[in-house]
Amino acid sequence: MWLKLSTLALLPVVILQGLKVRKNTPRLAEASGDRDGVCGQGQPLSLLILGDSAAAGVGVESQQEALSGSILSCLQDEYQVRWKLHAKTGDTTQQVIAATQLLAPQQYDVVVTSIGVNDVTKLMSAKKWLKQQQILFQDIQNRFHPRLIIVSGVPPMQHFEALPHPLAWLFGQYATQMNLQLQHWLAPQAQFEFLQFDIQTFQAMNLPMASDGFHPSKEIYTIWGQQIAALVRQYFHS
């Protein structure tokens, strides 16, 4: 309730700041390059990446520098990875659900998701967002039968360089509530791994964001991919 009241109180300022950010923030393209293929050698592993602009590699030039490339680079010496990236800039959870339903049903060992920033910018409640996430994950399970689903948390948007306060603060509160509800729901389900997007740690390491101050840089994509690869190894070697 307090967040709803805060939103109403801040709405005039937030609307003006949002329009200014939209006008002044550079529009970066999605990373170029292949979005599916087979690479590496070793144990067969199939991987599907779903999501929004971060999953699509906005902030770097090529998919090799993006999330997909980082994951593959970490896994290719141990696994022969059959992989697919299905992501689009601006997609909300509801749009990812619709996009996922266009994919042919087939088995993937691992599904990675990166969704939520565009739901935050629409000021969606955590309760409604969680219901949409649950629909998405049910569809993922029915359509792809993964053994492991790695869920990337909503970034702490209060630390986005492109966002002024109080807009950044408000978006950060929405992101925090979304993550708390999602983590609570995922926790008892062994098939899921939740991965927090830790911008504060990246900043402490002096790692830059992309030039728009909104998306990951090559360095952040590298660490994010390493974290996902570590969860894959841990799950399939245990």
Protein backbone atom coordinates (compact mmCIF):
# COMPACT_ATOMS: atom_id res chain seq x y z
CA MET A 1 0.00 0.00 0.00
CA TRP A 2 2.82 2.41 0.88
CA LEU A 3 4.37 1.96 -2.58
CA LYS A 4 1.04 2.69 -4.24
CA LEU A 5 0.72 5.88 -2.16
CA SER A 6 4.33 6.85 -2.92
CA THR A 7 3.66 6.33 -6.63
CA LEU A 8 0.60 8.57 -6.54
CA ALA A 9 2.49 11.27 -4.64
CA LEU A 10 5.46 11.20 -7.01
CA LEU A 11 3.51 10.66 -10.23
CA PRO A 12 3.72 14.23 -11.64
CA VAL A 13 7.51 14.35 -11.14
CA VAL A 14 8.00 10.78 -12.33
CA ILE A 15 6.08 11.42 -15.54
CA LEU A 16 8.20 14.48 -16.35
CA GLN A 17 11.45 12.69 -15.52
CA GLY A 18 10.39 9.65 -17.53
CA LEU A 19 9.71 11.76 -20.60
CA LYS A 20 13.08 13.48 -20.22
CA VAL A 21 14.93 10.18 -19.84
CA ARG A 22 13.16 8.75 -22.88
CA LYS A 23 14.14 11.80 -24.91
CA ASN A 24 17.78 12.02 -23.79
CA THR A 25 18.83 8.37 -23.40
CA PRO A 26 20.57 6.94 -26.49
CA ARG A 27 18.68 4.13 -28.20
CA LEU A 28 21.19 1.31 -28.55
CA ALA A 29 20.67 -1.53 -31.00
CA GLU A 30 20.47 -5.21 -30.12
CA ALA A 31 23.74 -7.09 -30.48
CA SER A 32 24.33 -8.47 -33.96
CA GLY A 33 25.16 -12.07 -34.75
CA ASP A 34 23.72 -15.56 -34.60
CA ARG A 35 20.81 -16.31 -32.29
CA ASP A 36 20.99 -20.08 -32.51
CA GLY A 37 23.48 -22.79 -33.30
CA VAL A 38 25.65 -25.56 -31.92
CA CYS A 39 29.06 -25.00 -30.37
CA GLY A 40 31.60 -26.74 -28.19
CA GLN A 41 32.36 -30.36 -27.50
CA GLY A 42 31.55 -32.75 -24.72
CA GLN A 43 28.30 -33.71 -23.03
CA PRO A 44 25.23 -32.62 -25.06
CA LEU A 45 23.38 -29.67 -23.55
CA SER A 46 20.48 -27.65 -24.94
CA LEU A 47 19.97 -24.03 -23.88
CA LEU A 48 17.19 -21.49 -24.48
CA ILE A 49 17.51 -17.82 -23.49
CA LEU A 50 14.30 -15.76 -23.26
CA GLY A 51 13.73 -12.15 -22.40
CA ASP A 52 14.08 -8.47 -23.13
CA SER A 53 16.83 -6.11 -24.28
CA ALA A 54 19.42 -7.37 -21.79
CA ALA A 55 18.92 -10.93 -23.02
CA ALA A 56 19.13 -9.60 -26.59
CA GLY A 57 22.54 -8.03 -25.89
CA VAL A 58 21.73 -4.34 -26.02
CA GLY A 59 24.82 -2.44 -24.90
CA VAL A 60 27.41 -4.41 -26.89
CA GLU A 61 28.11 -4.85 -30.59
CA SER A 62 27.93 -8.63 -31.04
CA GLN A 63 26.31 -11.65 -29.47
CA GLN A 64 29.80 -12.95 -28.69
CA GLU A 65 30.12 -10.04 -26.21
CA ALA A 66 26.56 -10.39 -24.93
CA LEU A 67 24.93 -12.78 -22.47
CA SER A 68 24.57 -15.65 -24.93
CA GLY A 69 28.21 -15.42 -26.00
CA SER A 70 29.44 -15.27 -22.43
CA ILE A 71 27.48 -18.37 -21.42
CA LEU A 72 28.66 -20.31 -24.46
CA SER A 73 32.27 -19.27 -23.94
CA CYS A 74 32.14 -20.68 -20.41
CA LEU A 75 30.46 -23.95 -21.34
CA GLN A 76 31.91 -24.88 -24.73
CA ASP A 77 34.93 -26.78 -23.37
CA GLU A 78 32.71 -29.13 -21.34
CA TYR A 79 29.50 -29.30 -23.35
CA GLN A 80 28.31 -29.44 -26.92
CA VAL A 81 25.67 -26.76 -26.60
CA ARG A 82 22.63 -26.57 -28.87
CA TRP A 83 21.33 -23.10 -28.13
CA LYS A 84 18.70 -20.53 -29.08
CA LEU A 85 18.18 -16.88 -28.12
CA HIS A 86 14.63 -15.50 -28.32
CA ALA A 87 14.57 -11.95 -26.96
CA LYS A 88 13.42 -8.50 -27.99
CA THR A 89 14.02 -4.96 -26.76
CA GLY A 90 11.08 -3.53 -24.85
CA ASP A 91 9.33 -6.80 -24.13
CA THR A 92 7.31 -7.08 -20.95
CA THR A 93 6.52 -10.41 -19.30
CA GLN A 94 3.22 -10.54 -21.18
CA GLN A 95 5.02 -10.01 -24.49
CA VAL A 96 7.60 -12.68 -23.66
CA ILE A 97 4.73 -15.08 -22.95
CA ALA A 98 3.27 -14.33 -26.39
CA ALA A 99 6.68 -14.65 -28.08
CA THR A 100 7.39 -17.95 -26.33
CA GLN A 101 4.13 -19.40 -27.58
CA LEU A 102 5.38 -18.88 -31.15
CA LEU A 103 8.29 -21.27 -30.56
CA ALA A 104 7.89 -24.90 -31.53
CA PRO A 105 7.66 -27.24 -28.55
CA GLN A 106 10.94 -29.09 -28.00
CA GLN A 107 13.12 -30.16 -25.12
CA TYR A 108 15.74 -27.81 -23.63
CA ASP A 109 17.92 -28.85 -20.71
CA VAL A 110 18.30 -25.26 -19.49
CA VAL A 111 16.10 -22.19 -19.91
CA VAL A 112 17.43 -18.76 -18.87
CA THR A 113 15.09 -15.79 -18.44
CA SER A 114 15.80 -12.06 -18.16
CA ILE A 115 12.55 -10.13 -17.79
CA GLY A 116 11.14 -7.36 -15.63
CA VAL A 117 12.63 -3.94 -16.37
CA ASN A 118 9.87 -3.07 -18.83
CA ASP A 119 7.23 -4.17 -16.33
CA VAL A 120 8.83 -1.87 -13.73
CA THR A 121 8.71 1.10 -16.11
CA LYS A 122 4.98 0.46 -16.49
CA LEU A 123 4.67 0.53 -12.66
CA MET A 124 3.16 -2.95 -12.54
CA SER A 125 2.41 -4.26 -9.07
CA ALA A 126 4.55 -7.14 -7.81
CA LYS A 127 1.43 -9.25 -7.25
CA LYS A 128 0.27 -8.90 -10.86
CA TRP A 129 3.82 -9.39 -12.16
CA LEU A 130 4.26 -12.60 -10.20
CA LYS A 131 1.05 -14.01 -11.67
CA GLN A 132 2.38 -13.30 -15.17
CA GLN A 133 5.74 -14.88 -14.31
CA GLN A 134 3.92 -17.98 -13.07
CA ILE A 135 2.04 -18.23 -16.36
CA LEU A 136 5.30 -17.89 -18.27
CA PHE A 137 7.10 -20.55 -16.26
CA GLN A 138 4.18 -22.95 -16.57
CA ASP A 139 4.25 -22.47 -20.33
CA ILE A 140 8.05 -22.96 -20.37
CA GLN A 141 7.69 -26.22 -18.45
CA ASN A 142 4.89 -27.51 -20.67
CA ARG A 143 6.55 -26.48 -23.93
CA PHE A 144 10.26 -27.15 -23.30
CA HIS A 145 10.43 -29.60 -20.34
CA PRO A 146 13.68 -28.10 -18.97
CA ARG A 147 15.63 -29.72 -16.18
CA LEU A 148 16.85 -26.34 -14.95
CA ILE A 149 15.36 -22.83 -15.20
CA ILE A 150 17.68 -19.97 -14.28
CA VAL A 151 15.73 -16.82 -13.46
CA SER A 152 17.63 -13.54 -13.63
CA GLY A 153 16.28 -11.09 -11.08
CA VAL A 154 15.04 -7.63 -11.96
CA PRO A 155 18.04 -5.27 -11.76
CA PRO A 156 18.12 -2.76 -8.88
CA MET A 157 17.04 0.14 -11.05
CA GLN A 158 17.80 2.73 -8.36
CA HIS A 159 21.43 2.28 -9.44
CA PHE A 160 20.86 2.83 -13.17
CA GLU A 161 23.07 5.74 -14.21
CA ALA A 162 20.52 7.01 -16.74
CA LEU A 163 17.76 7.49 -14.14
CA PRO A 164 17.43 10.60 -11.93
CA HIS A 165 15.84 10.56 -8.49
CA PRO A 166 13.07 10.17 -7.43
CA LEU A 167 12.35 8.15 -10.60
CA ALA A 168 15.29 5.83 -9.93
CA TRP A 169 14.24 5.35 -6.31
CA LEU A 170 10.65 4.51 -7.28
CA PHE A 171 11.69 2.04 -9.99
CA GLY A 172 14.09 0.47 -7.49
CA GLN A 173 11.26 -0.09 -5.00
CA TYR A 174 9.14 -1.81 -7.66
CA ALA A 175 12.09 -4.00 -8.68
CA THR A 176 12.79 -4.96 -5.06
CA GLN A 177 9.19 -5.99 -4.41
CA MET A 178 9.06 -8.01 -7.63
CA ASN A 179 12.24 -9.87 -6.72
CA LEU A 180 11.09 -10.61 -3.18
CA GLN A 181 7.81 -12.11 -4.36
CA LEU A 182 9.45 -14.08 -7.14
CA GLN A 183 12.19 -15.45 -4.86
CA HIS A 184 9.61 -16.52 -2.29
CA TRP A 185 7.65 -18.41 -4.93
CA LEU A 186 10.71 -20.03 -6.53
CA ALA A 187 12.52 -21.01 -3.32
CA PRO A 188 10.83 -24.42 -2.67
CA GLN A 189 11.13 -25.53 -6.30
CA ALA A 190 14.40 -27.39 -6.94
CA GLN A 191 14.09 -26.93 -10.71
CA PHE A 192 14.61 -23.16 -10.38
CA GLU A 193 17.69 -21.06 -9.60
CA PHE A 194 17.26 -17.35 -8.90
CA LEU A 195 20.18 -15.11 -9.88
CA GLN A 196 20.26 -11.62 -8.44
CA PHE A 197 21.54 -8.89 -10.77
CA ASP A 198 24.02 -7.16 -8.44
CA ILE A 199 24.82 -3.75 -9.92
CA GLN A 200 26.30 -2.50 -6.64
CA THR A 201 28.97 -5.21 -6.78
CA PHE A 202 29.68 -4.38 -10.42
CA GLN A 203 30.05 -0.70 -9.53
CA ALA A 204 32.33 -1.55 -6.59
CA MET A 205 34.52 -3.40 -9.11
CA ASN A 206 34.53 -0.23 -11.26
CA LEU A 207 32.75 -2.06 -14.08
CA PRO A 208 30.95 0.39 -16.36
CA MET A 209 27.42 0.06 -17.66
CA ALA A 210 26.73 0.48 -21.37
CA SER A 211 26.96 3.96 -22.87
CA ASP A 212 23.24 4.55 -22.31
CA GLY A 213 23.59 4.08 -18.54
CA PHE A 214 20.74 1.59 -18.70
CA HIS A 215 22.10 -1.70 -20.07
CA PRO A 216 24.96 -4.06 -19.20
CA SER A 217 28.42 -3.53 -20.63
CA LYS A 218 30.62 -6.27 -22.07
CA GLU A 219 32.28 -6.70 -18.67
CA ILE A 220 28.93 -7.13 -16.90
CA TYR A 221 27.64 -9.54 -19.54
CA THR A 222 30.83 -11.57 -19.02
CA ILE A 223 30.27 -11.93 -15.27
CA TRP A 224 26.53 -12.58 -15.71
CA GLY A 225 27.28 -15.35 -18.19
CA GLN A 226 29.90 -16.83 -15.86
CA GLN A 227 27.37 -16.92 -13.02
CA ILE A 228 24.83 -18.73 -15.21
CA ALA A 229 27.44 -21.19 -16.45
CA ALA A 230 28.46 -21.92 -12.84
CA LEU A 231 24.84 -22.74 -11.96
CA VAL A 232 24.61 -25.06 -14.98
CA ARG A 233 27.79 -26.93 -13.99
CA GLN A 234 26.67 -27.16 -10.37
CA TYR A 235 23.29 -28.58 -11.34
CA PHE A 236 24.46 -31.14 -13.90
CA HIS A 237 27.56 -32.25 -11.97
CA SER A 238 25.75 -32.75 -8.67
